């Protein structure tokens, strides 16, 4: 469970409260500049609150640095290129995600067991990526790259997943496919999620609560 208590960040968030239960999928809307990304940055540890607390599964992580939260919190960004390294192969990108927050070694990076895991996760996407572990990520389409980012975000046992307008850079058909993938994977992996969106219709497709961020506070819509 995630709890934000009287959270203040710069002059953007003011005494913001939010409780997200385990396996819940919460959508957040708001005008440009309302502070949606600032909110995510505070949860992930990129922005330091000036007041209030962030509690994850009973642990106060308010002052825990970002690199130490990496094993607890995963991110998918709106730019498909932001969460992946184009000059590295799918396998190498997945290795980075798999070892996030852990002591990293390269002794098992090409192990058969790990490849089997990657192929299983990628096969679920139905994009043929399970057969392209040796391809550079830069050769993928935007939709394929974003789908890979989603797999990377769920392959480690993080506590919460932050999705920041993940379809903003994609066409409508690809966006619909990516949202279907998100819904299926998060239910399958039993992930707790927060997603920034501009589309209230996503509530129906993802079965979630909707909050509006306005004047530094969250107001539940339904």
Protein backbone atom coordinates (compact mmCIF):
# COMPACT_ATOMS: atom_id res chain seq x y z
CA UNK A 1 0.00 0.00 0.00
CA UNK A 2 1.16 3.53 -0.83
CA UNK A 3 0.32 6.44 1.47
CA UNK A 4 1.08 10.08 0.78
CA UNK A 5 0.48 12.22 3.86
CA UNK A 6 0.31 16.03 3.63
CA UNK A 7 2.90 15.94 0.85
CA UNK A 8 4.47 19.26 -0.18
CA UNK A 9 6.86 19.62 -3.12
CA UNK A 10 8.20 23.05 -4.02
CA UNK A 11 5.22 25.28 -4.85
CA UNK A 12 3.47 22.56 -6.83
CA UNK A 13 1.98 20.05 -4.38
CA UNK A 14 0.34 21.35 -1.20
CA UNK A 15 -0.65 19.03 1.68
CA UNK A 16 -1.53 16.30 -0.83
CA UNK A 17 -3.02 13.09 0.55
CA UNK A 18 -3.43 9.78 -1.29
CA UNK A 19 -3.88 6.14 -0.32
CA UNK A 20 -3.44 3.39 -2.91
CA UNK A 21 -4.24 -0.16 -1.83
CA UNK A 22 -2.34 -3.23 -2.94
CA UNK A 23 -3.13 -4.28 -6.56
CA UNK A 24 -5.19 -1.13 -7.11
CA UNK A 25 -4.97 0.75 -10.41
CA UNK A 26 -5.30 4.52 -9.96
CA UNK A 27 -5.54 7.10 -12.75
CA UNK A 28 -4.49 10.72 -12.30
CA UNK A 29 -5.61 13.55 -14.54
CA UNK A 30 -4.89 17.27 -14.51
CA UNK A 31 -4.08 20.28 -16.65
CA UNK A 32 -0.58 20.83 -18.00
CA UNK A 33 1.55 22.19 -15.17
CA UNK A 34 -0.75 20.83 -12.47
CA UNK A 35 2.10 18.78 -11.00
CA UNK A 36 1.36 15.25 -12.17
CA UNK A 37 4.95 14.44 -13.13
CA UNK A 38 6.20 16.23 -10.01
CA UNK A 39 4.01 13.89 -7.97
CA UNK A 40 5.52 10.84 -9.67
CA UNK A 41 9.03 12.24 -9.24
CA UNK A 42 8.40 12.64 -5.52
CA UNK A 43 7.16 9.05 -5.19
CA UNK A 44 10.12 7.69 -7.17
CA UNK A 45 12.65 9.83 -5.30
CA UNK A 46 13.68 12.23 -8.06
CA UNK A 47 12.08 15.21 -6.27
CA UNK A 48 12.54 15.82 -2.56
CA UNK A 49 9.42 16.84 -0.60
CA UNK A 50 9.60 19.94 1.57
CA UNK A 51 7.01 18.45 3.89
CA UNK A 52 4.83 15.42 4.53
CA UNK A 53 5.67 11.74 4.11
CA UNK A 54 5.70 8.90 1.58
CA UNK A 55 5.02 5.47 3.06
CA UNK A 56 5.27 2.27 1.02
CA UNK A 57 4.12 -0.99 2.61
CA UNK A 58 4.58 0.51 6.06
CA UNK A 59 8.09 1.81 5.32
CA UNK A 60 8.68 5.56 5.36
CA UNK A 61 10.71 6.21 2.19
CA UNK A 62 10.45 10.01 2.21
CA UNK A 63 14.17 10.48 2.71
CA UNK A 64 15.31 7.29 0.96
CA UNK A 65 17.37 8.28 -2.14
CA UNK A 66 16.12 7.37 -5.60
CA UNK A 67 18.72 4.66 -6.27
CA UNK A 68 17.65 2.85 -3.10
CA UNK A 69 13.99 3.03 -4.13
CA UNK A 70 14.74 1.48 -7.53
CA UNK A 71 13.90 -2.03 -6.33
CA UNK A 72 10.59 -0.80 -4.87
CA UNK A 73 9.29 1.50 -7.61
CA UNK A 74 9.30 1.00 -11.40
CA UNK A 75 8.64 3.67 -14.02
CA UNK A 76 7.42 3.77 -17.61
CA UNK A 77 7.75 7.18 -19.28
CA UNK A 78 5.77 8.78 -22.12
CA UNK A 79 8.76 8.69 -24.46
CA UNK A 80 9.40 5.04 -25.50
CA UNK A 81 13.11 5.90 -25.77
CA UNK A 82 13.38 7.12 -22.18
CA UNK A 83 13.20 3.75 -20.45
CA UNK A 84 15.37 1.76 -22.86
CA UNK A 85 18.85 1.97 -24.38
CA UNK A 86 18.64 1.85 -28.16
CA UNK A 87 22.26 0.79 -28.74
CA UNK A 88 21.86 -2.26 -26.50
CA UNK A 89 20.07 -5.52 -27.29
CA UNK A 90 16.71 -6.55 -25.87
CA UNK A 91 18.53 -9.04 -23.66
CA UNK A 92 20.89 -6.38 -22.32
CA UNK A 93 18.02 -4.01 -21.58
CA UNK A 94 16.11 -6.76 -19.81
CA UNK A 95 19.22 -7.66 -17.81
CA UNK A 96 19.39 -4.08 -16.52
CA UNK A 97 15.72 -4.21 -15.50
CA UNK A 98 16.07 -7.67 -13.94
CA UNK A 99 18.94 -6.55 -11.70
CA UNK A 100 17.45 -3.16 -10.77
CA UNK A 101 18.08 -2.49 -7.10
CA UNK A 102 20.19 -5.64 -6.77
CA UNK A 103 23.93 -6.19 -6.73
CA UNK A 104 24.71 -6.45 -10.43
CA UNK A 105 27.00 -9.05 -11.94
CA UNK A 106 27.35 -10.21 -15.52
CA UNK A 107 28.01 -13.87 -14.78
CA UNK A 108 24.38 -14.84 -15.30
CA UNK A 109 23.53 -12.25 -17.96
CA UNK A 110 23.35 -14.84 -20.73
CA UNK A 111 22.07 -17.78 -18.71
CA UNK A 112 19.55 -20.12 -20.32
CA UNK A 113 17.14 -19.77 -17.38
CA UNK A 114 17.09 -16.00 -17.67
CA UNK A 115 16.61 -16.12 -21.43
CA UNK A 116 13.68 -18.49 -20.93
CA UNK A 117 12.15 -15.99 -18.49
CA UNK A 118 12.60 -13.11 -20.94
CA UNK A 119 11.07 -15.11 -23.79
CA UNK A 120 8.08 -16.05 -21.64
CA UNK A 121 7.43 -12.41 -20.73
CA UNK A 122 7.93 -11.14 -24.28
CA UNK A 123 5.80 -13.87 -25.88
CA UNK A 124 2.83 -12.54 -23.94
CA UNK A 125 3.06 -9.32 -25.99
CA UNK A 126 2.35 -11.26 -29.21
CA UNK A 127 4.84 -9.08 -31.12
CA UNK A 128 7.47 -11.70 -31.90
CA UNK A 129 9.99 -9.99 -29.61
CA UNK A 130 10.76 -13.27 -27.85
CA UNK A 131 12.71 -14.20 -30.98
CA UNK A 132 14.69 -10.95 -31.09
CA UNK A 133 16.74 -10.97 -27.88
CA UNK A 134 19.92 -10.27 -29.84
CA UNK A 135 18.45 -7.33 -31.79
CA UNK A 136 19.30 -3.77 -30.80
CA UNK A 137 16.34 -1.99 -29.20
CA UNK A 138 16.84 0.97 -31.55
CA UNK A 139 15.51 -1.23 -34.38
CA UNK A 140 12.09 -1.58 -32.71
CA UNK A 141 9.04 0.54 -33.51
CA UNK A 142 7.75 3.01 -30.93
CA UNK A 143 4.97 0.65 -29.86
CA UNK A 144 7.32 -2.33 -29.59
CA UNK A 145 9.78 -0.27 -27.57
CA UNK A 146 7.07 0.93 -25.18
CA UNK A 147 5.79 -2.63 -24.78
CA UNK A 148 9.34 -3.69 -23.93
CA UNK A 149 9.50 -0.88 -21.35
CA UNK A 150 6.35 -2.26 -19.71
CA UNK A 151 7.83 -5.76 -19.54
CA UNK A 152 11.04 -4.30 -18.10
CA UNK A 153 9.09 -2.43 -15.44
CA UNK A 154 7.33 -5.59 -14.25
CA UNK A 155 10.13 -8.13 -14.54
CA UNK A 156 11.57 -7.17 -11.15
CA UNK A 157 9.49 -7.56 -7.99
CA UNK A 158 8.80 -3.87 -7.39
CA UNK A 159 6.06 -2.71 -5.05
CA UNK A 160 4.48 -0.11 -7.30
CA UNK A 161 4.43 0.84 -10.97
CA UNK A 162 4.29 4.47 -12.16
CA UNK A 163 3.02 5.01 -15.73
CA UNK A 164 3.52 8.58 -16.97
CA UNK A 165 1.32 9.20 -20.05
CA UNK A 166 2.74 6.09 -21.66
CA UNK A 167 0.69 6.42 -24.88
CA UNK A 168 1.28 10.15 -25.49
CA UNK A 169 3.88 9.55 -28.23
CA UNK A 170 1.96 6.75 -29.99
CA UNK A 171 -0.78 6.64 -32.61
CA UNK A 172 -4.31 5.71 -31.56
CA UNK A 173 -4.15 2.07 -32.69
CA UNK A 174 -0.81 1.44 -30.99
CA UNK A 175 -2.01 3.30 -27.89
CA UNK A 176 -5.01 0.99 -27.58
CA UNK A 177 -2.77 -2.05 -27.90
CA UNK A 178 -0.35 -0.74 -25.27
CA UNK A 179 -3.20 -0.06 -22.83
CA UNK A 180 -4.51 -3.60 -23.35
CA UNK A 181 -1.02 -4.92 -22.64
CA UNK A 182 -0.78 -2.81 -19.48
CA UNK A 183 -4.14 -4.05 -18.23
CA UNK A 184 -3.34 -7.69 -18.89
CA UNK A 185 0.20 -7.61 -17.48
CA UNK A 186 -0.67 -5.67 -14.33
CA UNK A 187 -3.55 -8.02 -13.55
CA UNK A 188 -1.41 -11.07 -14.30
CA UNK A 189 1.52 -9.79 -12.23
CA UNK A 190 -0.80 -8.36 -9.52
CA UNK A 191 0.86 -4.96 -9.66
CA UNK A 192 -0.16 -1.80 -7.84
CA UNK A 193 -0.24 1.04 -10.38
CA UNK A 194 -0.59 4.79 -10.74
CA UNK A 195 -1.04 6.14 -14.25
CA UNK A 196 -1.10 9.72 -15.52
CA UNK A 197 -3.54 10.13 -18.39
CA UNK A 198 -5.59 12.74 -20.27
CA UNK A 199 -8.34 10.26 -21.09
CA UNK A 200 -11.07 9.53 -18.53
CA UNK A 201 -12.24 6.57 -20.67
CA UNK A 202 -9.21 4.66 -19.40
CA UNK A 203 -11.09 4.18 -16.11
CA UNK A 204 -13.55 1.82 -17.78
CA UNK A 205 -10.90 -0.17 -19.63
CA UNK A 206 -8.54 -0.53 -16.68
CA UNK A 207 -11.11 -0.79 -13.87
CA UNK A 208 -9.56 1.92 -11.73
CA UNK A 209 -10.18 4.99 -9.59
CA UNK A 210 -9.76 8.44 -11.08
CA UNK A 211 -8.27 11.48 -9.31
CA UNK A 212 -7.97 15.05 -10.55
CA UNK A 213 -4.86 16.97 -9.53
CA UNK A 214 -5.76 20.62 -9.06
CA UNK A 215 -4.31 23.39 -6.91
CA UNK A 216 -1.74 20.99 -5.52
CA UNK A 217 -4.27 18.47 -4.20
CA UNK A 218 -5.96 15.32 -5.46
CA UNK A 219 -9.74 15.19 -5.77
CA UNK A 220 -11.33 11.80 -6.36
CA UNK A 221 -13.73 11.84 -9.32
CA UNK A 222 -14.95 8.21 -9.17
